[in-house]
Amino acid sequence: MQFEMTVYMLRCADGSYYVGSTKQEVEARLWEHNNLPIDSYTARRRPVELVFAEGYDRITDAIARERQIKGWSRRKKEALVALAYESLPALSRRGHLVDRE
């Protein structure tokens, strides 16, 4: 199935994560992150590897999801990469506050 837009996450060489979205094939976008001579977050942290991708039929849904994931903690992003969906609620900022009480 062909999606209108893909939200993706890259793991950079320094261990950080980059979250983005694209209308092109995600493999082509990954190639650009690793090879194009532009000064950007990922260009300074090459090589990068694709660790997560989700397709969306609506651009507005993809943009909302990208923003959501960008706001997540590192631990929550790592749970998403591991496809540990059941642990995501407990890793929310509110979940951590509840766990401390």
PDB file of N, CA and C in Angstrom:
ATOM      1  N   MET A   1       0.834  -1.187   0.000  1.00  0.00           N
ATOM      2  CA  MET A   1       0.000   0.000   0.000  1.00  0.00           C
ATOM      3  C   MET A   1       0.878   1.250   0.000  1.00  0.00           C
ATOM      4  N   GLN A   2       0.567   2.200  -0.808  1.00  0.00           N
ATOM      5  CA  GLN A   2       1.303   3.449  -0.902  1.00  0.00           C
ATOM      6  C   GLN A   2       0.648   4.503  -0.012  1.00  0.00           C
ATOM      7  N   PHE A   3       1.444   5.112   0.861  1.00  0.00           N
ATOM      8  CA  PHE A   3       0.938   6.146   1.748  1.00  0.00           C
ATOM      9  C   PHE A   3       1.303   7.514   1.200  1.00  0.00           C
ATOM     10  N   GLU A   4       0.535   8.505   1.594  1.00  0.00           N
ATOM     11  CA  GLU A   4       0.792   9.885   1.195  1.00  0.00           C
ATOM     12  C   GLU A   4       2.064  10.414   1.862  1.00  0.00           C
ATOM     13  N   MET A   5       2.271  10.004   3.122  1.00  0.00           N
ATOM     14  CA  MET A   5       3.387  10.547   3.892  1.00  0.00           C
ATOM     15  C   MET A   5       3.885   9.508   4.887  1.00  0.00           C
ATOM     16  N   THR A   6       5.173   9.566   5.193  1.00  0.00           N
ATOM     17  CA  THR A   6       5.778   8.656   6.154  1.00  0.00           C
ATOM     18  C   THR A   6       6.437   9.455   7.267  1.00  0.00           C
ATOM     19  N   VAL A   7       6.169   9.046   8.503  1.00  0.00           N
ATOM     20  CA  VAL A   7       6.876   9.582   9.667  1.00  0.00           C
ATOM     21  C   VAL A   7       7.962   8.563   9.986  1.00  0.00           C
ATOM     22  N   TYR A   8       9.175   9.050  10.227  1.00  0.00           N
ATOM     23  CA  TYR A   8      10.284   8.129  10.440  1.00  0.00           C
ATOM     24  C   TYR A   8      11.182   8.607  11.572  1.00  0.00           C
ATOM     25  N   MET A   9      11.940   7.668  12.123  1.00  0.00           N
ATOM     26  CA  MET A   9      12.927   7.989  13.143  1.00  0.00           C
ATOM     27  C   MET A   9      14.259   7.384  12.744  1.00  0.00           C
ATOM     28  N   LEU A  10      15.296   8.184  12.884  1.00  0.00           N
ATOM     29  CA  LEU A  10      16.651   7.750  12.580  1.00  0.00           C
ATOM     30  C   LEU A  10      17.464   7.706  13.871  1.00  0.00           C
ATOM     31  N   ARG A  11      18.353   6.728  13.978  1.00  0.00           N
ATOM     32  CA  ARG A  11      19.335   6.715  15.064  1.00  0.00           C
ATOM     33  C   ARG A  11      20.634   7.227  14.460  1.00  0.00           C
ATOM     34  N   CYS A  12      21.166   8.264  15.067  1.00  0.00           N
ATOM     35  CA  CYS A  12      22.396   8.885  14.577  1.00  0.00           C
ATOM     36  C   CYS A  12      23.614   8.196  15.167  1.00  0.00           C
ATOM     37  N   ALA A  13      24.764   8.445  14.565  1.00  0.00           N
ATOM     38  CA  ALA A  13      26.011   7.819  15.004  1.00  0.00           C
ATOM     39  C   ALA A  13      26.344   8.161  16.451  1.00  0.00           C
ATOM     40  N   ASP A  14      25.900   9.321  16.940  1.00  0.00           N
ATOM     41  CA  ASP A  14      26.168   9.702  18.325  1.00  0.00           C
ATOM     42  C   ASP A  14      25.132   9.142  19.302  1.00  0.00           C
ATOM     43  N   GLY A  15      24.181   8.337  18.786  1.00  0.00           N
ATOM     44  CA  GLY A  15      23.167   7.723  19.631  1.00  0.00           C
ATOM     45  C   GLY A  15      21.903   8.544  19.789  1.00  0.00           C
ATOM     46  N   SER A  16      21.880   9.754  19.268  1.00  0.00           N
ATOM     47  CA  SER A  16      20.681  10.581  19.351  1.00  0.00           C
ATOM     48  C   SER A  16      19.663  10.117  18.301  1.00  0.00           C
ATOM     49  N   TYR A  17      18.442  10.611  18.439  1.00  0.00           N
ATOM     50  CA  TYR A  17      17.379  10.277  17.494  1.00  0.00           C
ATOM     51  C   TYR A  17      16.941  11.515  16.740  1.00  0.00           C
ATOM     52  N   TYR A  18      16.573  11.307  15.482  1.00  0.00           N
ATOM     53  CA  TYR A  18      16.025  12.353  14.633  1.00  0.00           C
ATOM     54  C   TYR A  18      14.666  11.861  14.165  1.00  0.00           C
ATOM     55  N   VAL A  19      13.647  12.700  14.285  1.00  0.00           N
ATOM     56  CA  VAL A  19      12.295  12.360  13.835  1.00  0.00           C
ATOM     57  C   VAL A  19      11.930  13.310  12.708  1.00  0.00           C
ATOM     58  N   GLY A  20      11.426  12.754  11.621  1.00  0.00           N
ATOM     59  CA  GLY A  20      11.032  13.565  10.482  1.00  0.00           C
ATOM     60  C   GLY A  20       9.871  12.937   9.741  1.00  0.00           C
ATOM     61  N   SER A  21       9.459  13.610   8.672  1.00  0.00           N
ATOM     62  CA  SER A  21       8.405  13.068   7.819  1.00  0.00           C
ATOM     63  C   SER A  21       8.752  13.400   6.374  1.00  0.00           C
ATOM     64  N   THR A  22       8.232  12.596   5.467  1.00  0.00           N
ATOM     65  CA  THR A  22       8.549  12.785   4.062  1.00  0.00           C
ATOM     66  C   THR A  22       7.405  12.294   3.183  1.00  0.00           C
ATOM     67  N   LYS A  23       7.302  12.898   2.007  1.00  0.00           N
ATOM     68  CA  LYS A  23       6.349  12.433   1.006  1.00  0.00           C
ATOM     69  C   LYS A  23       7.012  11.453   0.045  1.00  0.00           C
ATOM     70  N   GLN A  24       8.335  11.422   0.044  1.00  0.00           N
ATOM     71  CA  GLN A  24       9.051  10.507  -0.854  1.00  0.00           C
ATOM     72  C   GLN A  24       9.251   9.152  -0.171  1.00  0.00           C
ATOM     73  N   GLU A  25       9.805   8.215  -0.896  1.00  0.00           N
ATOM     74  CA  GLU A  25      10.107   6.914  -0.309  1.00  0.00           C
ATOM     75  C   GLU A  25      11.091   7.114   0.833  1.00  0.00           C
ATOM     76  N   VAL A  26      10.843   6.460   1.963  1.00  0.00           N
ATOM     77  CA  VAL A  26      11.674   6.677   3.144  1.00  0.00           C
ATOM     78  C   VAL A  26      13.129   6.255   2.898  1.00  0.00           C
ATOM     79  N   GLU A  27      13.365   5.250   2.074  1.00  0.00           N
ATOM     80  CA  GLU A  27      14.733   4.839   1.766  1.00  0.00           C
ATOM     81  C   GLU A  27      15.486   5.935   1.017  1.00  0.00           C
ATOM     82  N   ALA A  28      14.786   6.651   0.137  1.00  0.00           N
ATOM     83  CA  ALA A  28      15.412   7.757  -0.586  1.00  0.00           C
ATOM     84  C   ALA A  28      15.734   8.898   0.378  1.00  0.00           C
ATOM     85  N   ARG A  29      14.839   9.141   1.313  1.00  0.00           N
ATOM     86  CA  ARG A  29      15.086  10.198   2.306  1.00  0.00           C
ATOM     87  C   ARG A  29      16.261   9.821   3.213  1.00  0.00           C
ATOM     88  N   LEU A  30      16.360   8.561   3.586  1.00  0.00           N
ATOM     89  CA  LEU A  30      17.486   8.083   4.385  1.00  0.00           C
ATOM     90  C   LEU A  30      18.798   8.317   3.631  1.00  0.00           C
ATOM     91  N   TRP A  31      18.812   7.996   2.349  1.00  0.00           N
ATOM     92  CA  TRP A  31      19.993   8.223   1.533  1.00  0.00           C
ATOM     93  C   TRP A  31      20.391   9.698   1.566  1.00  0.00           C
ATOM     94  N   GLU A  32      19.414  10.586   1.443  1.00  0.00           N
ATOM     95  CA  GLU A  32      19.700  12.024   1.488  1.00  0.00           C
ATOM     96  C   GLU A  32      20.331  12.419   2.821  1.00  0.00           C
ATOM     97  N   HIS A  33      19.773  11.912   3.922  1.00  0.00           N
ATOM     98  CA  HIS A  33      20.335  12.231   5.239  1.00  0.00           C
ATOM     99  C   HIS A  33      21.796  11.801   5.333  1.00  0.00           C
ATOM    100  N   ASN A  34      22.139  10.691   4.721  1.00  0.00           N
ATOM    101  CA  ASN A  34      23.501  10.171   4.817  1.00  0.00           C
ATOM    102  C   ASN A  34      24.463  10.735   3.775  1.00  0.00           C
ATOM    103  N   ASN A  35      23.951  11.328   2.699  1.00  0.00           N
ATOM    104  CA  ASN A  35      24.829  11.677   1.590  1.00  0.00           C
ATOM    105  C   ASN A  35      24.801  13.118   1.091  1.00  0.00           C
ATOM    106  N   LEU A  36      23.736  13.851   1.300  1.00  0.00           N
ATOM    107  CA  LEU A  36      23.682  15.202   0.743  1.00  0.00           C
ATOM    108  C   LEU A  36      24.563  16.160   1.540  1.00  0.00           C
ATOM    109  N   PRO A  37      25.251  17.031   0.837  1.00  0.00           N
ATOM    110  CA  PRO A  37      26.171  17.964   1.507  1.00  0.00           C
ATOM    111  C   PRO A  37      25.465  19.215   2.045  1.00  0.00           C
ATOM    112  N   ILE A  38      24.573  19.025   2.995  1.00  0.00           N
ATOM    113  CA  ILE A  38      23.906  20.159   3.625  1.00  0.00           C
ATOM    114  C   ILE A  38      24.218  20.162   5.116  1.00  0.00           C
ATOM    115  N   ASP A  39      24.321  21.348   5.675  1.00  0.00           N
ATOM    116  CA  ASP A  39      24.598  21.469   7.102  1.00  0.00           C
ATOM    117  C   ASP A  39      23.277  21.283   7.845  1.00  0.00           C
ATOM    118  N   SER A  40      23.144  20.145   8.481  1.00  0.00           N
ATOM    119  CA  SER A  40      21.911  19.840   9.195  1.00  0.00           C
ATOM    120  C   SER A  40      22.227  18.983  10.409  1.00  0.00           C
ATOM    121  N   TYR A  41      21.209  18.738  11.217  1.00  0.00           N
ATOM    122  CA  TYR A  41      21.379  17.916  12.417  1.00  0.00           C
ATOM    123  C   TYR A  41      21.979  16.558  12.061  1.00  0.00           C
ATOM    124  N   THR A  42      21.402  15.879  11.087  1.00  0.00           N
ATOM    125  CA  THR A  42      21.882  14.537  10.759  1.00  0.00           C
ATOM    126  C   THR A  42      23.222  14.551  10.028  1.00  0.00           C
ATOM    127  N   ALA A  43      23.508  15.596   9.261  1.00  0.00           N
ATOM    128  CA  ALA A  43      24.780  15.661   8.532  1.00  0.00           C
ATOM    129  C   ALA A  43      25.957  15.672   9.490  1.00  0.00           C
ATOM    130  N   ARG A  44      25.770  16.243  10.674  1.00  0.00           N
ATOM    131  CA  ARG A  44      26.841  16.302  11.674  1.00  0.00           C
ATOM    132  C   ARG A  44      26.900  15.036  12.527  1.00  0.00           C
ATOM    133  N   ARG A  45      25.982  14.080  12.280  1.00  0.00           N
ATOM    134  CA  ARG A  45      25.899  12.874  13.106  1.00  0.00           C
ATOM    135  C   ARG A  45      25.831  11.602  12.261  1.00  0.00           C
ATOM    136  N   ARG A  46      26.453  11.631  11.103  1.00  0.00           N
ATOM    137  CA  ARG A  46      26.433  10.478  10.196  1.00  0.00           C
ATOM    138  C   ARG A  46      27.368   9.389  10.670  1.00  0.00           C
ATOM    139  N   PRO A  47      27.089   8.155  10.279  1.00  0.00           N
ATOM    140  CA  PRO A  47      25.924   7.721   9.511  1.00  0.00           C
ATOM    141  C   PRO A  47      24.682   7.618  10.395  1.00  0.00           C
ATOM    142  N   VAL A  48      23.547   7.705   9.734  1.00  0.00           N
ATOM    143  CA  VAL A  48      22.272   7.526  10.423  1.00  0.00           C
ATOM    144  C   VAL A  48      21.612   6.266   9.888  1.00  0.00           C
ATOM    145  N   GLU A  49      20.797   5.639  10.739  1.00  0.00           N
ATOM    146  CA  GLU A  49      20.088   4.440  10.299  1.00  0.00           C
ATOM    147  C   GLU A  49      18.603   4.583  10.602  1.00  0.00           C
ATOM    148  N   LEU A  50      17.790   4.065   9.722  1.00  0.00           N
ATOM    149  CA  LEU A  50      16.346   4.079   9.913  1.00  0.00           C
ATOM    150  C   LEU A  50      15.977   3.034  10.956  1.00  0.00           C
ATOM    151  N   VAL A  51      15.263   3.473  12.015  1.00  0.00           N
ATOM    152  CA  VAL A  51      14.887   2.540  13.073  1.00  0.00           C
ATOM    153  C   VAL A  51      13.377   2.423  13.252  1.00  0.00           C
ATOM    154  N   PHE A  52      12.610   3.329  12.607  1.00  0.00           N
ATOM    155  CA  PHE A  52      11.159   3.282  12.749  1.00  0.00           C
ATOM    156  C   PHE A  52      10.522   4.070  11.617  1.00  0.00           C
ATOM    157  N   ALA A  53       9.387   3.579  11.114  1.00  0.00           N
ATOM    158  CA  ALA A  53       8.620   4.299  10.089  1.00  0.00           C
ATOM    159  C   ALA A  53       7.158   3.907  10.173  1.00  0.00           C
ATOM    160  N   GLU A  54       6.295   4.900   9.972  1.00  0.00           N
ATOM    161  CA  GLU A  54       4.838   4.691   9.922  1.00  0.00           C
ATOM    162  C   GLU A  54       4.292   5.464   8.729  1.00  0.00           C
ATOM    163  N   GLY A  55       3.391   4.855   7.985  1.00  0.00           N
ATOM    164  CA  GLY A  55       2.783   5.515   6.846  1.00  0.00           C
ATOM    165  C   GLY A  55       1.433   6.113   7.197  1.00  0.00           C
ATOM    166  N   TYR A  56       1.121   7.246   6.572  1.00  0.00           N
ATOM    167  CA  TYR A  56      -0.148   7.947   6.806  1.00  0.00           C
ATOM    168  C   TYR A  56      -0.783   8.343   5.483  1.00  0.00           C
ATOM    169  N   ASP A  57      -2.097   8.217   5.435  1.00  0.00           N
ATOM    170  CA  ASP A  57      -2.838   8.619   4.250  1.00  0.00           C
ATOM    171  C   ASP A  57      -3.059  10.126   4.203  1.00  0.00           C
ATOM    172  N   ARG A  58      -3.104  10.746   5.375  1.00  0.00           N
ATOM    173  CA  ARG A  58      -3.359  12.186   5.448  1.00  0.00           C
ATOM    174  C   ARG A  58      -2.126  12.914   5.976  1.00  0.00           C
ATOM    175  N   ILE A  59      -1.734  13.959   5.266  1.00  0.00           N
ATOM    176  CA  ILE A  59      -0.559  14.734   5.650  1.00  0.00           C
ATOM    177  C   ILE A  59      -0.732  15.323   7.041  1.00  0.00           C
ATOM    178  N   THR A  60      -1.920  15.803   7.351  1.00  0.00           N
ATOM    179  CA  THR A  60      -2.145  16.410   8.666  1.00  0.00           C
ATOM    180  C   THR A  60      -1.937  15.396   9.790  1.00  0.00           C
ATOM    181  N   ASP A  61      -2.319  14.148   9.576  1.00  0.00           N
ATOM    182  CA  ASP A  61      -2.095  13.102  10.580  1.00  0.00           C
ATOM    183  C   ASP A  61      -0.602  12.832  10.761  1.00  0.00           C
ATOM    184  N   ALA A  62       0.133  12.817   9.658  1.00  0.00           N
ATOM    185  CA  ALA A  62       1.577  12.566   9.723  1.00  0.00           C
ATOM    186  C   ALA A  62       2.283  13.697  10.467  1.00  0.00           C
ATOM    187  N   ILE A  63       1.910  14.924  10.181  1.00  0.00           N
ATOM    188  CA  ILE A  63       2.535  16.064  10.852  1.00  0.00           C
ATOM    189  C   ILE A  63       2.239  16.036  12.347  1.00  0.00           C
ATOM    190  N   ALA A  64       1.012  15.704  12.707  1.00  0.00           N
ATOM    191  CA  ALA A  64       0.656  15.613  14.123  1.00  0.00           C
ATOM    192  C   ALA A  64       1.451  14.510  14.823  1.00  0.00           C
ATOM    193  N   ARG A  65       1.614  13.377  14.176  1.00  0.00           N
ATOM    194  CA  ARG A  65       2.365  12.270  14.764  1.00  0.00           C
ATOM    195  C   ARG A  65       3.849  12.626  14.895  1.00  0.00           C
ATOM    196  N   GLU A  66       4.406  13.273  13.887  1.00  0.00           N
ATOM    197  CA  GLU A  66       5.808  13.695  13.956  1.00  0.00           C
ATOM    198  C   GLU A  66       6.014  14.614  15.160  1.00  0.00           C
ATOM    199  N   ARG A  67       5.152  15.596  15.333  1.00  0.00           N
ATOM    200  CA  ARG A  67       5.263  16.514  16.464  1.00  0.00           C
ATOM    201  C   ARG A  67       5.120  15.778  17.790  1.00  0.00           C
ATOM    202  N   GLN A  68       4.194  14.819  17.835  1.00  0.00           N
ATOM    203  CA  GLN A  68       3.992  14.047  19.058  1.00  0.00           C
ATOM    204  C   GLN A  68       5.275  13.310  19.442  1.00  0.00           C
ATOM    205  N   ILE A  69       5.844  12.580  18.496  1.00  0.00           N
ATOM    206  CA  ILE A  69       7.043  11.785  18.781  1.00  0.00           C
ATOM    207  C   ILE A  69       8.226  12.688  19.147  1.00  0.00           C
ATOM    208  N   LYS A  70       8.359  13.831  18.473  1.00  0.00           N
ATOM    209  CA  LYS A  70       9.457  14.755  18.788  1.00  0.00           C
ATOM    210  C   LYS A  70       9.398  15.213  20.239  1.00  0.00           C
ATOM    211  N   GLY A  71       8.206  15.277  20.818  1.00  0.00           N
ATOM    212  CA  GLY A  71       8.050  15.710  22.194  1.00  0.00           C
ATOM    213  C   GLY A  71       8.295  14.624  23.226  1.00  0.00           C
ATOM    214  N   TRP A  72       8.518  13.409  22.785  1.00  0.00           N
ATOM    215  CA  TRP A  72       8.691  12.281  23.697  1.00  0.00           C
ATOM    216  C   TRP A  72      10.102  12.232  24.266  1.00  0.00           C
ATOM    217  N   SER A  73      10.212  11.583  25.415  1.00  0.00           N
ATOM    218  CA  SER A  73      11.518  11.336  26.035  1.00  0.00           C
ATOM    219  C   SER A  73      12.282  10.298  25.210  1.00  0.00           C
ATOM    220  N   ARG A  74      13.572  10.223  25.466  1.00  0.00           N
ATOM    221  CA  ARG A  74      14.408   9.225  24.801  1.00  0.00           C
ATOM    222  C   ARG A  74      13.894   7.820  25.096  1.00  0.00           C
ATOM    223  N   ARG A  75      13.540   7.539  26.351  1.00  0.00           N
ATOM    224  CA  ARG A  75      13.053   6.204  26.728  1.00  0.00           C
ATOM    225  C   ARG A  75      11.776   5.849  25.975  1.00  0.00           C
ATOM    226  N   LYS A  76      10.900   6.821  25.794  1.00  0.00           N
ATOM    227  CA  LYS A  76       9.653   6.550  25.086  1.00  0.00           C
ATOM    228  C   LYS A  76       9.922   6.313  23.597  1.00  0.00           C
ATOM    229  N   LYS A  77      10.851   7.069  23.016  1.00  0.00           N
ATOM    230  CA  LYS A  77      11.227   6.840  21.616  1.00  0.00           C
ATOM    231  C   LYS A  77      11.823   5.446  21.446  1.00  0.00           C
ATOM    232  N   GLU A  78      12.652   5.032  22.397  1.00  0.00           N
ATOM    233  CA  GLU A  78      13.260   3.698  22.315  1.00  0.00           C
ATOM    234  C   GLU A  78      12.206   2.603  22.442  1.00  0.00           C
ATOM    235  N   ALA A  79      11.182   2.822  23.253  1.00  0.00           N
ATOM    236  CA  ALA A  79      10.087   1.850  23.355  1.00  0.00           C
ATOM    237  C   ALA A  79       9.339   1.761  22.026  1.00  0.00           C
ATOM    238  N   LEU A  80       9.151   2.896  21.359  1.00  0.00           N
ATOM    239  CA  LEU A  80       8.487   2.896  20.058  1.00  0.00           C
ATOM    240  C   LEU A  80       9.317   2.123  19.037  1.00  0.00           C
ATOM    241  N   VAL A  81      10.622   2.344  19.024  1.00  0.00           N
ATOM    242  CA  VAL A  81      11.516   1.620  18.110  1.00  0.00           C
ATOM    243  C   VAL A  81      11.421   0.119  18.361  1.00  0.00           C
ATOM    244  N   ALA A  82      11.310  -0.266  19.633  1.00  0.00           N
ATOM    245  CA  ALA A  82      11.210  -1.682  20.002  1.00  0.00           C
ATOM    246  C   ALA A  82       9.806  -2.234  19.783  1.00  0.00           C
ATOM    247  N   LEU A  83       8.898  -1.383  19.315  1.00  0.00           N
ATOM    248  CA  LEU A  83       7.486  -1.738  19.110  1.00  0.00           C
ATOM    249  C   LEU A  83       6.829  -2.208  20.409  1.00  0.00           C
ATOM    250  N   ALA A  84       7.272  -1.656  21.521  1.00  0.00           N
ATOM    251  CA  ALA A  84       6.725  -1.982  22.847  1.00  0.00           C
ATOM    252  C   ALA A  84       5.594  -1.004  23.156  1.00  0.00           C
ATOM    253  N   TYR A  85       4.554  -1.066  22.347  1.00  0.00           N
ATOM    254  CA  TYR A  85       3.441  -0.123  22.454  1.00  0.00           C
ATOM    255  C   TYR A  85       2.781  -0.138  23.833  1.00  0.00           C
ATOM    256  N   GLU A  86       2.747  -1.306  24.466  1.00  0.00           N
ATOM    257  CA  GLU A  86       2.087  -1.415  25.766  1.00  0.00           C
ATOM    258  C   GLU A  86       2.798  -0.604  26.844  1.00  0.00           C
ATOM    259  N   SER A  87       4.074  -0.329  26.667  1.00  0.00           N
ATOM    260  CA  SER A  87       4.820   0.426  27.680  1.00  0.00           C
ATOM    261  C   SER A  87       4.772   1.937  27.456  1.00  0.00           C
ATOM    262  N   LEU A  88       4.261   2.386  26.325  1.00  0.00           N
ATOM    263  CA  LEU A  88       4.261   3.819  26.026  1.00  0.00           C
ATOM    264  C   LEU A  88       3.491   4.659  27.043  1.00  0.00           C
ATOM    265  N   PRO A  89       2.294   4.260  27.474  1.00  0.00           N
ATOM    266  CA  PRO A  89       1.584   5.101  28.454  1.00  0.00           C
ATOM    267  C   PRO A  89       2.366   5.298  29.755  1.00  0.00           C
ATOM    268  N   ALA A  90       3.021   4.283  30.222  1.00  0.00           N
ATOM    269  CA  ALA A  90       3.779   4.380  31.478  1.00  0.00           C
ATOM    270  C   ALA A  90       5.003   5.276  31.332  1.00  0.00           C
ATOM    271  N   LEU A  91       5.469   5.479  30.109  1.00  0.00           N
ATOM    272  CA  LEU A  91       6.645   6.302  29.871  1.00  0.00           C
ATOM    273  C   LEU A  91       6.303   7.762  29.605  1.00  0.00           C
ATOM    274  N   SER A  92       5.031   8.085  29.642  1.00  0.00           N
ATOM    275  CA  SER A  92       4.653   9.483  29.446  1.00  0.00           C
ATOM    276  C   SER A  92       5.094  10.284  30.659  1.00  0.00           C
ATOM    277  N   ARG A  93       5.249  11.585  30.483  1.00  0.00           N
ATOM    278  CA  ARG A  93       5.667  12.441  31.594  1.00  0.00           C
ATOM    279  C   ARG A  93       4.692  12.323  32.757  1.00  0.00           C
ATOM    280  N   ARG A  94       3.402  12.282  32.452  1.00  0.00           N
ATOM    281  CA  ARG A  94       2.396  12.127  33.507  1.00  0.00           C
ATOM    282  C   ARG A  94       2.538  10.768  34.187  1.00  0.00           C
ATOM    283  N   GLY A  95       2.845   9.744  33.401  1.00  0.00           N
ATOM    284  CA  GLY A  95       3.018   8.411  33.969  1.00  0.00           C
ATOM    285  C   GLY A  95       4.167   8.369  34.948  1.00  0.00           C
ATOM    286  N   HIS A  96       5.267   9.073  34.625  1.00  0.00           N
ATOM    287  CA  HIS A  96       6.411   9.113  35.538  1.00  0.00           C
ATOM    288  C   HIS A  96       6.042   9.827  36.839  1.00  0.00           C
ATOM    289  N   LEU A  97       5.234  10.863  36.756  1.00  0.00           N
ATOM    290  CA  LEU A  97       4.832  11.588  37.961  1.00  0.00           C
ATOM    291  C   LEU A  97       3.980  10.694  38.849  1.00  0.00           C
ATOM    292  N   VAL A  98       3.098   9.905  38.241  1.00  0.00           N
ATOM    293  CA  VAL A  98       2.248   9.005  39.005  1.00  0.00           C
ATOM    294  C   VAL A  98       3.091   7.919  39.669  1.00  0.00           C
ATOM    295  N   ASP A  99       4.113   7.412  38.951  1.00  0.00           N
ATOM    296  CA  ASP A  99       4.958   6.356  39.487  1.00  0.00           C
ATOM    297  C   ASP A  99       5.726   6.813  40.737  1.00  0.00           C
ATOM    298  N   ARG A 100       6.039   8.107  40.823  1.00  0.00           N
ATOM    299  CA  ARG A 100       6.824   8.622  41.948  1.00  0.00           C
ATOM    300  C   ARG A 100       5.995   8.805  43.213  1.00  0.00           C
ATOM    301  N   GLU A 101       4.697   8.912  43.081  1.00  0.00           N
ATOM    302  CA  GLU A 101       3.841   9.181  44.243  1.00  0.00           C
ATOM    303  C   GLU A 101       3.632   7.950  45.082  1.00  0.00           C
TER     304      GLU A 101
END
